[in-house]
Amino acid sequence: MKKSTLLAFFLLVATASFAQDPDSLEIQEALPEIPAKPAKQAPSGYAYNDYGYLITAQQAYWSKLGSHYSDKYYQNGKSGMKAQDGTVLIPAEYDDLHFQYCGFMVASKEGKSGVINEANQMVIPFSYKRLELLYKPLAFQVPQGVPLEDLRLLAIREDGQAGLLNGKGEVIFPFRENRYVEVVYFYPGVRTTQGYVTSELPAYQTAMAQTALIYHMPGEMGVVAMDGQVVLPFEYATMDVFYWAEDFRVQHPEWLQVGNADNQVGVFDLRRREWMIEPKFYGGIGPLYVMNPDEKPFGPMLFGTQAATDPDEDGVTFTRAGVIDSTGCTVLPFEYMGFGLSFLHQGKFHIWAEKMGKWGVVDIDNRVVTPFEHSKVIQRFDMDRGPHFSLKDSTNQYFGLLSLEGKMAIPFRYKWLGDHNGRLVIFVNDQMKCGLVDDQGREVLPGIYTDIQLLRHGFFYINADSKLGLVDPSGKVLVQPAYKGAYTENMLPAFSRDFKARGIPEAEVVTVLTREDGAAFVLLKNGKLVELD
């Protein structure tokens, strides 16, 4: 089978999270909620922590306050922990110390990792190369009231094998040889760069049910849940947690792209622990989105991918690109070499596609909208007459503008086509000078300017020898280049008081022009210039 690599689509699973109702997540096999044990009576001056260890009353006080009230300190190259009043909580006798709250601190000593509590008592022996506590919801602290049996740690031994432990050090999933283990969180919760949660998280047991470990080995990858259950067996070649657009991460953080030994890929739903799209496609499975940020995906979720064609008359099969829905059903047939820009037009999904080295546009019904006779599209232009597309000529030197119907609205004669106001497009010519051309290919402003930029309401400013002027939306020079500065839209709020003092509605303002002598003038939509005091 010949396999094309022309199409590279990506699916993501967001490990960063989002705010949503955790009760709507259909969690399977959540870890059991264990009721709190009755408080034991401690001797005078002592207290029992959440895990039943006897500690001093002072240690209990600082522990309950949490890590915001304690600081790591260093002495003779070792790490310890002090309270904010200077009280030594943990002596400086560790290579490193990670305060995790509630008497659960991951520490390293003589090159080995283990766990201690506030009283410096060993909870998990120092016999691991590395320990990573999973689910640290606030400043990397353990949630209060969670039994040690329900805590989860990723443990790496000296031999490189990784396993899953609970907070008592008991093995939940046996140690396996691996290259590395990837932690996948797909529970809600937005995190800052410091790791602090800024939205409410689900209960610990729910969060653990929404956490998984991906074990990586060449040709032998699998997924293990926090209860130790193998969610996907160790028989896959690839498992990819990709990152995509923000709205996709918000909607589907639990999707995992999985590939088998035959390079066939599918999408696995970690939350439901079942296949969403069976592994029978090639080159990746990626969501298709319209490129205009004001538009939303139309209809059901669509994915671009590749599949094998039926054998031809010589019995040869090929790999071609097509579009599927979220169940794996074919929406556009697998007859294309690749896909490019996608967009909505008149309420219908359209996509640029390639056949035999040429590009055209097909709609969701596989109807050819733009013939397959063009080079690849560079950019979409939302002109008043409908969608247009910039593309390069066969020499790869000059840009032109193509209408959706396949007509060259602007011929291949420009080194670049820039911003537009729906009717006029900024161009750069061979002399690297700027001008304006309309959607019929007529140059309405000659290419003699150093720079042209689009302003509000379809106006442009022109730059000639570092002097600025103004052009109206039709391309007529309204103000000859004689000014020092012209303010773009994001700079106009600085003049709000001046506008208000003169009774000028800010929505009517195009720009503010300044002269060499410091005088300032407001240009309004009607073309009128008003001097500011």
Protein backbone atom coordinates (compact mmCIF):
# COMPACT_ATOMS: atom_id res chain seq x y z
CA MET A 1 0.00 0.00 0.00
CA LYS A 2 1.33 3.44 -0.85
CA LYS A 3 0.94 5.86 2.03
CA SER A 4 0.95 9.57 1.45
CA THR A 5 2.26 11.90 4.10
CA LEU A 6 0.90 15.05 2.50
CA LEU A 7 -1.70 15.52 5.21
CA ALA A 8 -0.73 16.11 8.82
CA PHE A 9 -3.63 16.70 11.14
CA PHE A 10 -3.50 16.86 14.88
CA LEU A 11 -5.91 15.92 17.65
CA LEU A 12 -5.38 17.16 21.14
CA VAL A 13 -6.17 16.22 24.66
CA ALA A 14 -5.86 19.17 26.97
CA THR A 15 -3.99 18.56 30.16
CA ALA A 16 -4.73 22.17 30.99
CA SER A 17 -8.34 22.34 32.14
CA PHE A 18 -11.55 24.35 32.17
CA ALA A 19 -14.48 25.34 34.32
CA GLN A 20 -17.54 23.10 34.10
CA ASP A 21 -19.92 21.18 36.35
CA PRO A 22 -18.03 18.07 37.53
CA ASP A 23 -21.33 16.27 38.16
CA SER A 24 -21.97 16.20 34.41
CA LEU A 25 -18.82 14.27 33.53
CA GLU A 26 -20.24 10.72 33.61
CA ILE A 27 -17.28 9.47 35.62
CA GLN A 28 -16.87 5.70 35.67
CA GLU A 29 -15.46 3.74 38.58
CA ALA A 30 -14.78 6.74 40.82
CA LEU A 31 -12.67 6.00 43.84
CA PRO A 32 -14.92 5.52 46.89
CA GLU A 33 -15.61 8.39 49.26
CA ILE A 34 -14.29 7.34 52.67
CA PRO A 35 -15.87 9.02 55.71
CA ALA A 36 -13.54 10.83 58.10
CA LYS A 37 -12.44 8.81 61.12
CA PRO A 38 -13.34 10.04 64.61
CA ALA A 39 -10.60 12.25 66.06
CA LYS A 40 -8.30 10.40 68.45
CA GLN A 41 -7.47 11.90 71.82
CA ALA A 42 -3.84 13.04 71.71
CA PRO A 43 -1.57 13.55 74.77
CA SER A 44 -1.19 17.09 76.07
CA GLY A 45 0.85 19.24 73.67
CA TYR A 46 0.37 16.81 70.79
CA ALA A 47 -2.17 16.17 68.02
CA TYR A 48 -2.94 13.55 65.42
CA ASN A 49 -2.69 14.73 61.83
CA ASP A 50 -5.10 13.71 59.08
CA TYR A 51 -3.22 10.44 58.58
CA GLY A 52 -3.09 9.37 62.20
CA TYR A 53 0.52 10.36 62.92
CA LEU A 54 1.22 11.88 66.33
CA ILE A 55 2.82 15.32 65.96
CA THR A 56 3.33 18.29 68.27
CA ALA A 57 0.54 20.84 68.65
CA GLN A 58 2.83 23.46 67.11
CA GLN A 59 3.51 21.25 64.09
CA ALA A 60 -0.21 20.65 63.71
CA TYR A 61 -0.88 24.40 63.85
CA TRP A 62 1.52 25.22 61.04
CA SER A 63 0.42 22.22 59.00
CA LYS A 64 -3.21 23.29 59.10
CA LEU A 65 -2.26 26.78 57.93
CA GLY A 66 -0.63 25.27 54.87
CA SER A 67 2.42 26.03 52.77
CA HIS A 68 1.62 29.74 52.49
CA TYR A 69 2.78 30.01 56.11
CA SER A 70 5.97 28.02 55.79
CA ASP A 71 9.15 28.32 53.78
CA LYS A 72 11.88 25.99 52.63
CA TYR A 73 15.25 26.92 54.08
CA TYR A 74 18.78 25.80 53.35
CA GLN A 75 21.67 24.98 55.66
CA ASN A 76 25.00 23.39 54.71
CA GLY A 77 23.61 22.54 51.27
CA LYS A 78 20.57 20.72 52.68
CA SER A 79 16.86 21.59 52.70
CA GLY A 80 14.42 21.89 55.56
CA MET A 81 11.20 23.69 56.42
CA LYS A 82 10.54 26.66 58.70
CA ALA A 83 7.38 28.38 59.82
CA GLN A 84 7.03 32.07 59.10
CA ASP A 85 7.96 32.92 62.70
CA GLY A 86 11.26 31.06 62.22
CA THR A 87 10.25 27.87 64.00
CA VAL A 88 12.07 24.89 62.46
CA LEU A 89 9.45 22.38 61.34
CA ILE A 90 11.71 20.01 59.41
CA PRO A 91 15.49 20.04 60.03
CA ALA A 92 17.73 20.80 57.05
CA GLU A 93 18.82 17.24 56.38
CA TYR A 94 17.32 16.55 52.92
CA ASP A 95 18.70 17.03 49.43
CA ASP A 96 15.32 18.49 48.48
CA LEU A 97 11.90 18.84 50.07
CA HIS A 98 8.50 19.46 48.50
CA PHE A 99 5.91 20.60 51.03
CA GLN A 100 2.59 19.01 50.13
CA TYR A 101 0.41 19.95 53.17
CA CYS A 102 -1.44 17.72 55.64
CA GLY A 103 1.78 16.03 56.75
CA PHE A 104 2.73 14.66 53.35
CA MET A 105 6.10 15.86 52.04
CA VAL A 106 8.00 14.31 49.12
CA ALA A 107 11.70 14.47 50.04
CA SER A 108 15.00 13.22 48.65
CA LYS A 109 17.96 12.00 50.63
CA GLU A 110 21.23 10.49 49.39
CA GLY A 111 19.80 10.36 45.89
CA LYS A 112 16.62 8.50 46.89
CA SER A 113 13.05 9.83 47.21
CA GLY A 114 10.49 9.09 49.90
CA VAL A 115 7.73 10.75 51.91
CA ILE A 116 7.81 12.27 55.41
CA ASN A 117 5.25 14.07 57.58
CA GLU A 118 5.37 17.24 59.72
CA ALA A 119 7.04 15.35 62.57
CA ASN A 120 9.80 14.22 60.21
CA GLN A 121 8.49 10.66 60.40
CA MET A 122 8.90 8.45 57.34
CA VAL A 123 5.62 7.69 55.57
CA ILE A 124 7.08 6.03 52.44
CA PRO A 125 10.65 4.63 52.54
CA PHE A 126 13.46 6.37 50.66
CA SER A 127 13.81 3.67 48.02
CA TYR A 128 12.75 5.41 44.79
CA LYS A 129 14.61 7.41 42.17
CA ARG A 130 11.69 9.82 41.87
CA LEU A 131 8.22 10.29 43.36
CA GLU A 132 5.59 12.56 41.87
CA LEU A 133 2.40 13.27 43.79
CA LEU A 134 -0.55 13.37 41.38
CA TYR A 135 -3.31 16.01 41.62
CA LYS A 136 -1.99 19.02 43.52
CA PRO A 137 -4.95 21.40 43.38
CA LEU A 138 -3.70 24.46 45.31
CA ALA A 139 -0.07 25.57 45.40
CA PHE A 140 0.86 21.87 45.00
CA GLN A 141 -0.85 20.94 48.28
CA VAL A 142 -2.63 17.70 49.11
CA PRO A 143 -6.39 18.20 49.69
CA GLN A 144 -7.44 17.93 53.33
CA GLY A 145 -9.31 14.88 54.50
CA VAL A 146 -8.19 12.48 51.75
CA PRO A 147 -7.09 9.10 53.17
CA LEU A 148 -3.57 7.91 52.41
CA GLU A 149 -5.14 4.95 50.61
CA ASP A 150 -6.65 7.33 48.05
CA LEU A 151 -3.56 9.44 47.35
CA ARG A 152 -1.65 8.53 44.20
CA LEU A 153 2.04 8.86 43.40
CA LEU A 154 3.93 8.07 40.24
CA ALA A 155 7.06 6.21 41.37
CA ILE A 156 10.24 5.62 39.35
CA ARG A 157 12.72 3.02 40.59
CA GLU A 158 16.47 3.00 40.03
CA ASP A 159 16.04 0.41 37.26
CA GLY A 160 13.87 2.91 35.33
CA GLN A 161 10.62 1.04 35.87
CA ALA A 162 7.53 3.08 36.82
CA GLY A 163 4.59 2.10 38.97
CA LEU A 164 1.67 3.64 40.79
CA LEU A 165 1.58 3.91 44.60
CA ASN A 166 -0.97 5.08 47.13
CA GLY A 167 -0.09 7.41 50.02
CA LYS A 168 0.99 4.47 52.19
CA GLY A 169 3.50 3.30 49.59
CA GLU A 170 1.38 0.31 48.56
CA VAL A 171 1.62 -0.66 44.88
CA ILE A 172 -1.60 0.10 42.97
CA PHE A 173 -0.18 -0.74 39.56
CA PRO A 174 2.95 -2.90 39.20
CA PHE A 175 6.24 -1.46 37.99
CA ARG A 176 6.92 -1.64 34.25
CA GLU A 177 9.94 -0.82 32.13
CA ASN A 178 9.31 2.33 30.14
CA ARG A 179 10.88 5.36 28.54
CA TYR A 180 8.64 7.69 30.51
CA VAL A 181 5.14 7.95 31.91
CA GLU A 182 2.91 10.86 30.89
CA VAL A 183 0.26 12.10 33.33
CA VAL A 184 -3.00 13.10 31.65
CA TYR A 185 -5.43 15.28 33.60
CA PHE A 186 -8.78 15.84 31.96
CA TYR A 187 -10.72 17.25 34.90
CA PRO A 188 -11.95 20.87 35.02
CA GLY A 189 -9.86 23.60 36.60
CA VAL A 190 -8.00 26.59 35.17
CA ARG A 191 -4.41 27.00 36.35
CA THR A 192 -2.16 30.03 36.42
CA THR A 193 1.50 29.85 35.47
CA GLN A 194 2.31 29.43 39.17
CA GLY A 195 0.16 26.30 39.36
CA TYR A 196 -2.61 27.86 41.43
CA VAL A 197 -6.15 26.81 40.61
CA THR A 198 -8.39 29.75 39.75
CA SER A 199 -11.68 27.85 39.52
CA GLU A 200 -13.40 25.27 41.66
CA LEU A 201 -12.18 21.71 41.21
CA PRO A 202 -14.11 18.48 41.70
CA ALA A 203 -13.69 16.29 44.77
CA TYR A 204 -10.39 14.43 44.96
CA GLN A 205 -11.95 11.06 44.14
CA THR A 206 -13.66 12.52 41.07
CA ALA A 207 -10.44 14.20 39.95
CA MET A 208 -8.53 10.94 40.29
CA ALA A 209 -11.14 9.19 38.15
CA GLN A 210 -10.33 11.83 35.52
CA THR A 211 -6.58 11.23 35.62
CA ALA A 212 -4.64 8.60 33.69
CA LEU A 213 -1.06 7.51 33.07
CA ILE A 214 0.25 6.86 29.55
CA TYR A 215 3.12 4.36 29.66
CA HIS A 216 5.52 4.87 26.75
CA MET A 217 7.68 2.18 25.19
CA PRO A 218 8.46 1.76 21.48
CA GLY A 219 5.66 -0.34 20.07
CA GLU A 220 4.19 -0.99 23.52
CA MET A 221 2.12 1.86 24.90
CA GLY A 222 -0.88 1.67 27.18
CA VAL A 223 -3.09 3.70 29.51
CA VAL A 224 -3.56 2.99 33.21
CA ALA A 225 -6.29 4.57 35.36
CA MET A 226 -5.75 5.70 38.94
CA ASP A 227 -7.53 2.61 40.25
CA GLY A 228 -4.82 0.50 38.59
CA GLN A 229 -7.09 -0.71 35.80
CA VAL A 230 -5.56 -0.98 32.32
CA VAL A 231 -7.76 1.28 30.20
CA LEU A 232 -5.87 0.60 26.95
CA PRO A 233 -3.67 -2.50 26.72
CA PHE A 234 0.08 -2.25 26.14
CA GLU A 235 -0.05 -2.93 22.42
CA TYR A 236 -0.13 0.48 20.72
CA ALA A 237 2.65 2.28 18.84
CA THR A 238 1.64 5.90 19.48
CA MET A 239 -0.47 7.84 21.97
CA ASP A 240 -0.59 11.56 21.49
CA VAL A 241 -1.89 14.25 23.82
CA PHE A 242 -1.98 17.21 21.44
CA TYR A 243 -2.80 20.86 22.03
CA TRP A 244 -5.23 22.67 19.75
CA ALA A 245 -7.48 25.71 19.80
CA GLU A 246 -8.76 26.83 23.20
CA ASP A 247 -12.41 26.00 22.49
CA PHE A 248 -11.42 22.47 21.46
CA ARG A 249 -9.49 21.94 24.71
CA VAL A 250 -12.50 23.19 26.65
CA GLN A 251 -14.93 20.86 24.93
CA HIS A 252 -12.91 17.67 24.57
CA PRO A 253 -9.91 17.39 26.90
CA GLU A 254 -10.42 13.66 27.30
CA TRP A 255 -9.78 12.65 23.68
CA LEU A 256 -6.58 10.72 22.99
CA GLN A 257 -5.22 9.99 19.53
CA VAL A 258 -3.94 6.40 19.38
CA GLY A 259 -1.99 4.59 16.66
CA ASN A 260 -1.41 0.87 16.23
CA ALA A 261 1.55 -1.05 14.79
CA ASP A 262 0.11 -0.71 11.27
CA ASN A 263 0.21 3.11 11.53
CA GLN A 264 -3.55 3.26 11.72
CA VAL A 265 -4.90 5.91 14.09
CA GLY A 266 -8.14 6.43 15.99
CA VAL A 267 -9.54 8.53 18.81
CA PHE A 268 -10.09 7.05 22.28
CA ASP A 269 -12.41 8.70 24.83
CA LEU A 270 -10.63 8.45 28.20
CA ARG A 271 -13.69 9.49 30.17
CA ARG A 272 -15.99 6.81 28.75
CA ARG A 273 -13.13 4.35 28.25
CA GLU A 274 -14.24 3.45 24.75
CA TRP A 275 -13.31 4.14 21.13
CA MET A 276 -14.89 7.20 19.57
CA ILE A 277 -13.21 6.58 16.18
CA GLU A 278 -11.75 3.13 15.56
CA PRO A 279 -8.06 2.98 14.49
CA LYS A 280 -8.33 2.62 10.73
CA PHE A 281 -7.10 5.97 9.42
CA TYR A 282 -3.66 7.33 8.53
CA GLY A 283 -1.63 10.51 9.01
CA GLY A 284 -3.49 11.77 12.07
CA ILE A 285 -7.07 12.80 12.81
CA GLY A 286 -7.53 16.55 13.24
CA PRO A 287 -10.60 18.73 13.80
CA LEU A 288 -11.49 21.07 10.94
CA TYR A 289 -12.29 24.64 11.89
CA VAL A 290 -13.28 27.68 9.91
CA MET A 291 -10.46 30.20 10.04
CA ASN A 292 -12.50 33.34 10.77
CA PRO A 293 -12.57 33.69 14.59
CA ASP A 294 -16.09 35.18 14.41
CA GLU A 295 -17.43 31.99 12.85
CA LYS A 296 -18.16 28.76 14.67
CA PRO A 297 -17.87 25.20 13.40
CA PHE A 298 -20.99 24.44 11.40
CA GLY A 299 -22.98 21.33 12.28
CA PRO A 300 -21.32 18.24 13.78
CA MET A 301 -17.60 18.02 14.59
CA LEU A 302 -15.63 17.25 11.43
CA PHE A 303 -12.15 15.76 11.15
CA GLY A 304 -9.63 15.63 8.35
CA THR A 305 -7.70 12.39 7.97
CA GLN A 306 -6.51 9.81 5.42
CA ALA A 307 -7.61 6.30 4.48
CA ALA A 308 -6.74 3.64 1.93
CA THR A 309 -8.60 3.74 -1.37
CA ASP A 310 -10.17 0.74 -3.07
CA PRO A 311 -7.77 -1.12 -5.39
CA ASP A 312 -7.55 0.28 -8.93
CA GLU A 313 -7.58 -1.84 -12.11
CA ASP A 314 -4.02 -2.90 -11.35
CA GLY A 315 -4.87 -3.85 -7.79
CA VAL A 316 -2.95 -0.88 -6.34
CA THR A 317 -4.33 1.07 -3.38
CA PHE A 318 -3.41 4.60 -2.37
CA THR A 319 -3.77 6.72 0.73
CA ARG A 320 -5.99 9.75 0.17
CA ALA A 321 -7.47 12.49 2.35
CA GLY A 322 -11.12 12.76 3.33
CA VAL A 323 -13.38 14.15 6.04
CA ILE A 324 -15.13 12.12 8.74
CA ASP A 325 -17.49 12.95 11.59
CA SER A 326 -17.04 12.13 15.28
CA THR A 327 -18.24 8.55 14.75
CA GLY A 328 -15.76 7.84 11.95
CA CYS A 329 -18.37 7.98 9.19
CA THR A 330 -17.22 9.46 5.87
CA VAL A 331 -18.46 12.98 5.11
CA LEU A 332 -16.16 13.83 2.18
CA PRO A 333 -14.86 10.82 0.21
CA PHE A 334 -11.20 9.83 0.39
CA GLU A 335 -10.15 11.09 -3.03
CA TYR A 336 -8.00 14.14 -2.22
CA MET A 337 -4.26 14.62 -1.80
CA GLY A 338 -4.71 17.07 1.07
CA PHE A 339 -6.76 19.89 2.58
CA GLY A 340 -6.06 23.54 3.30
CA LEU A 341 -8.13 26.54 4.36
CA SER A 342 -11.68 25.80 5.56
CA PHE A 343 -14.49 28.34 5.98
CA LEU A 344 -18.23 28.90 6.09
CA HIS A 345 -20.05 30.45 3.16
CA GLN A 346 -23.82 30.94 3.03
CA GLY A 347 -24.17 28.65 6.03
CA LYS A 348 -22.31 25.77 4.45
CA PHE A 349 -18.86 24.34 5.23
CA HIS A 350 -16.27 24.79 2.45
CA ILE A 351 -12.69 23.58 2.25
CA TRP A 352 -9.73 24.02 -0.08
CA ALA A 353 -8.63 20.60 -1.34
CA GLU A 354 -5.86 19.29 -3.59
CA LYS A 355 -6.15 16.94 -6.55
CA MET A 356 -3.31 16.03 -8.91
CA GLY A 357 -1.19 18.91 -7.62
CA LYS A 358 -3.88 21.58 -8.14
CA TRP A 359 -6.17 23.19 -5.58
CA GLY A 360 -9.89 23.98 -5.62
CA VAL A 361 -12.83 24.42 -3.25
CA VAL A 362 -15.46 21.79 -2.42
CA ASP A 363 -18.42 22.18 -0.10
CA ILE A 364 -19.67 19.71 2.50
CA ASP A 365 -21.78 17.99 -0.20
CA ASN A 366 -18.57 17.38 -2.22
CA ARG A 367 -19.72 19.85 -4.88
CA VAL A 368 -16.86 21.60 -6.67
CA VAL A 369 -17.20 25.35 -6.03
CA THR A 370 -13.80 26.46 -7.33
CA PRO A 371 -12.19 24.35 -10.09
CA PHE A 372 -9.02 22.37 -9.32
CA GLU A 373 -6.62 24.54 -11.31
CA HIS A 374 -4.94 26.81 -8.77
CA SER A 375 -1.86 26.98 -6.57
CA LYS A 376 -2.24 26.67 -2.82
CA VAL A 377 -4.09 29.48 -1.04
CA ILE A 378 -2.13 31.84 1.20
CA GLN A 379 -4.83 33.87 2.92
CA ARG A 380 -8.59 34.46 2.94
CA PHE A 381 -10.00 37.95 2.20
CA ASP A 382 -13.60 38.65 3.25
CA MET A 383 -14.44 41.15 0.52
CA ASP A 384 -17.80 42.84 0.03
CA ARG A 385 -18.37 40.66 -3.06
CA GLY A 386 -17.77 37.48 -1.06
CA PRO A 387 -14.76 35.35 -0.10
CA HIS A 388 -11.54 35.92 -2.04
CA PHE A 389 -8.19 34.22 -1.64
CA SER A 390 -4.61 35.35 -2.16
CA LEU A 391 -2.30 32.89 -3.90
CA LYS A 392 1.04 32.90 -5.72
CA ASP A 393 1.73 32.33 -9.39
CA SER A 394 3.63 29.36 -10.83
CA THR A 395 6.97 31.19 -10.37
CA ASN A 396 6.22 31.66 -6.67
CA GLN A 397 7.05 35.38 -6.98
CA TYR A 398 3.80 37.28 -7.45
CA PHE A 399 0.50 37.39 -5.61
CA GLY A 400 -2.98 37.65 -7.03
CA LEU A 401 -6.51 37.53 -5.65
CA LEU A 402 -8.97 34.80 -6.64
CA SER A 403 -12.75 34.91 -6.18
CA LEU A 404 -14.65 31.91 -4.85
CA GLU A 405 -15.97 31.34 -8.36
CA GLY A 406 -12.41 30.90 -9.62
CA LYS A 407 -12.02 34.30 -11.33
CA MET A 408 -8.74 36.22 -10.90
CA ALA A 409 -10.04 39.45 -9.36
CA ILE A 410 -6.49 40.82 -9.04
CA PRO A 411 -3.89 39.43 -11.47
CA PHE A 412 -0.51 38.02 -10.47
CA ARG A 413 1.52 41.24 -10.44
CA TYR A 414 2.24 42.12 -6.81
CA LYS A 415 4.97 41.15 -4.39
CA TRP A 416 2.44 41.18 -1.56
CA LEU A 417 -1.26 41.78 -0.91
CA GLY A 418 -2.05 43.11 2.56
CA ASP A 419 -5.05 44.45 4.51
CA HIS A 420 -8.28 45.51 2.84
CA ASN A 421 -11.50 47.39 3.61
CA GLY A 422 -13.77 45.05 1.66
CA ARG A 423 -13.25 46.87 -1.63
CA LEU A 424 -9.63 48.02 -1.71
CA VAL A 425 -6.54 45.95 -0.99
CA ILE A 426 -3.08 47.25 -0.05
CA PHE A 427 -0.43 46.04 -2.49
CA VAL A 428 3.38 46.08 -2.64
CA ASN A 429 4.94 46.31 -6.13
CA ASP A 430 8.33 45.36 -7.58
CA GLN A 431 9.80 48.64 -6.33
CA MET A 432 8.62 47.73 -2.80
CA LYS A 433 6.22 50.66 -2.85
CA CYS A 434 2.62 50.53 -1.64
CA GLY A 435 -0.66 51.40 -3.33
CA LEU A 436 -4.32 50.35 -3.40
CA VAL A 437 -6.02 48.05 -5.90
CA ASP A 438 -9.75 47.31 -6.05
CA ASP A 439 -11.45 43.92 -6.37
CA GLN A 440 -11.60 44.35 -10.16
CA GLY A 441 -7.82 44.68 -10.45
CA ARG A 442 -7.81 48.49 -11.00
CA GLU A 443 -5.11 50.46 -9.19
CA VAL A 444 -7.03 53.29 -7.55
CA LEU A 445 -3.96 54.61 -5.74
CA PRO A 446 -0.56 54.31 -7.48
CA GLY A 447 2.23 52.30 -5.92
CA ILE A 448 4.40 55.26 -4.87
CA TYR A 449 4.09 55.24 -1.06
CA THR A 450 6.52 54.02 1.56
CA ASP A 451 3.73 52.50 3.64
CA ILE A 452 -0.05 52.24 3.76
CA GLN A 453 -2.05 51.04 6.76
CA LEU A 454 -5.74 50.35 7.24
CA LEU A 455 -7.55 52.55 9.79
CA ARG A 456 -11.07 52.47 11.20
CA HIS A 457 -14.17 52.68 9.01
CA GLY A 458 -12.30 51.64 5.85
CA PHE A 459 -9.90 54.63 5.73
CA PHE A 460 -6.15 54.30 5.15
CA TYR A 461 -3.16 56.39 6.04
CA ILE A 462 -0.41 56.83 3.46
CA ASN A 463 3.26 57.48 4.16
CA ALA A 464 5.38 59.47 1.71
CA ASP A 465 8.89 60.36 2.86
CA SER A 466 7.85 60.04 6.54
CA LYS A 467 4.90 62.40 6.07
CA LEU A 468 1.43 61.02 6.62
CA GLY A 469 -1.80 61.63 4.75
CA LEU A 470 -5.25 60.06 4.58
CA VAL A 471 -7.24 58.14 1.97
CA ASP A 472 -11.01 57.66 2.14
CA PRO A 473 -12.68 54.21 1.70
CA SER A 474 -13.06 54.77 -2.06
CA GLY A 475 -9.32 55.37 -2.54
CA LYS A 476 -9.48 59.16 -2.86
CA VAL A 477 -6.67 61.11 -1.18
CA LEU A 478 -8.48 63.09 1.48
CA VAL A 479 -5.45 64.65 3.19
CA GLN A 480 -2.13 65.04 1.42
CA PRO A 481 0.95 63.61 3.21
CA ALA A 482 1.96 66.51 5.48
CA TYR A 483 1.45 65.23 9.02
CA LYS A 484 3.84 63.74 11.55
CA GLY A 485 1.62 61.04 13.04
CA ALA A 486 -1.63 59.14 12.60
CA TYR A 487 -3.09 57.13 15.48
CA THR A 488 -4.42 53.61 15.02
CA GLU A 489 -7.58 52.39 16.74
CA ASN A 490 -5.89 50.94 19.81
CA MET A 491 -4.30 54.32 20.54
CA LEU A 492 -7.48 56.42 20.31
CA PRO A 493 -8.67 55.90 23.94
CA ALA A 494 -5.83 58.25 24.99
CA PHE A 495 -7.85 61.09 23.42
CA SER A 496 -11.21 60.18 25.02
CA ARG A 497 -11.28 63.30 27.19
CA ASP A 498 -10.50 65.53 24.20
CA PHE A 499 -13.31 63.92 22.19
CA LYS A 500 -15.76 64.37 25.06
CA ALA A 501 -14.74 68.01 25.58
CA ARG A 502 -15.44 68.77 21.91
CA GLY A 503 -18.66 66.74 21.84
CA ILE A 504 -17.20 64.27 19.36
CA PRO A 505 -18.66 60.73 19.52
CA GLU A 506 -15.69 58.37 19.70
CA ALA A 507 -17.46 55.90 17.41
CA GLU A 508 -17.31 58.52 14.63
CA VAL A 509 -13.54 58.99 14.91
CA VAL A 510 -11.27 57.53 12.23
CA THR A 511 -7.90 58.74 13.55
CA VAL A 512 -6.05 61.65 15.14
CA LEU A 513 -3.43 63.43 13.01
CA THR A 514 -0.57 65.40 14.51
CA ARG A 515 1.58 68.11 12.89
CA GLU A 516 5.23 68.93 13.48
CA ASP A 517 4.20 71.87 15.69
CA GLY A 518 2.21 69.52 17.95
CA ALA A 519 -1.25 70.52 16.73
CA ALA A 520 -3.73 67.63 16.62
CA PHE A 521 -6.73 67.09 14.35
CA VAL A 522 -9.53 64.53 14.53
CA LEU A 523 -10.72 62.92 11.29
CA LEU A 524 -14.38 61.87 11.40
CA LYS A 525 -16.18 59.29 9.27
CA ASN A 526 -17.79 62.05 7.22
CA GLY A 527 -14.30 63.24 6.18
CA LYS A 528 -14.35 66.35 8.37
CA LEU A 529 -11.19 67.45 10.22
CA VAL A 530 -11.67 68.96 13.69
CA GLU A 531 -8.77 70.64 15.49
CA LEU A 532 -8.20 69.70 19.12
CA ASP A 533 -7.23 72.44 21.58
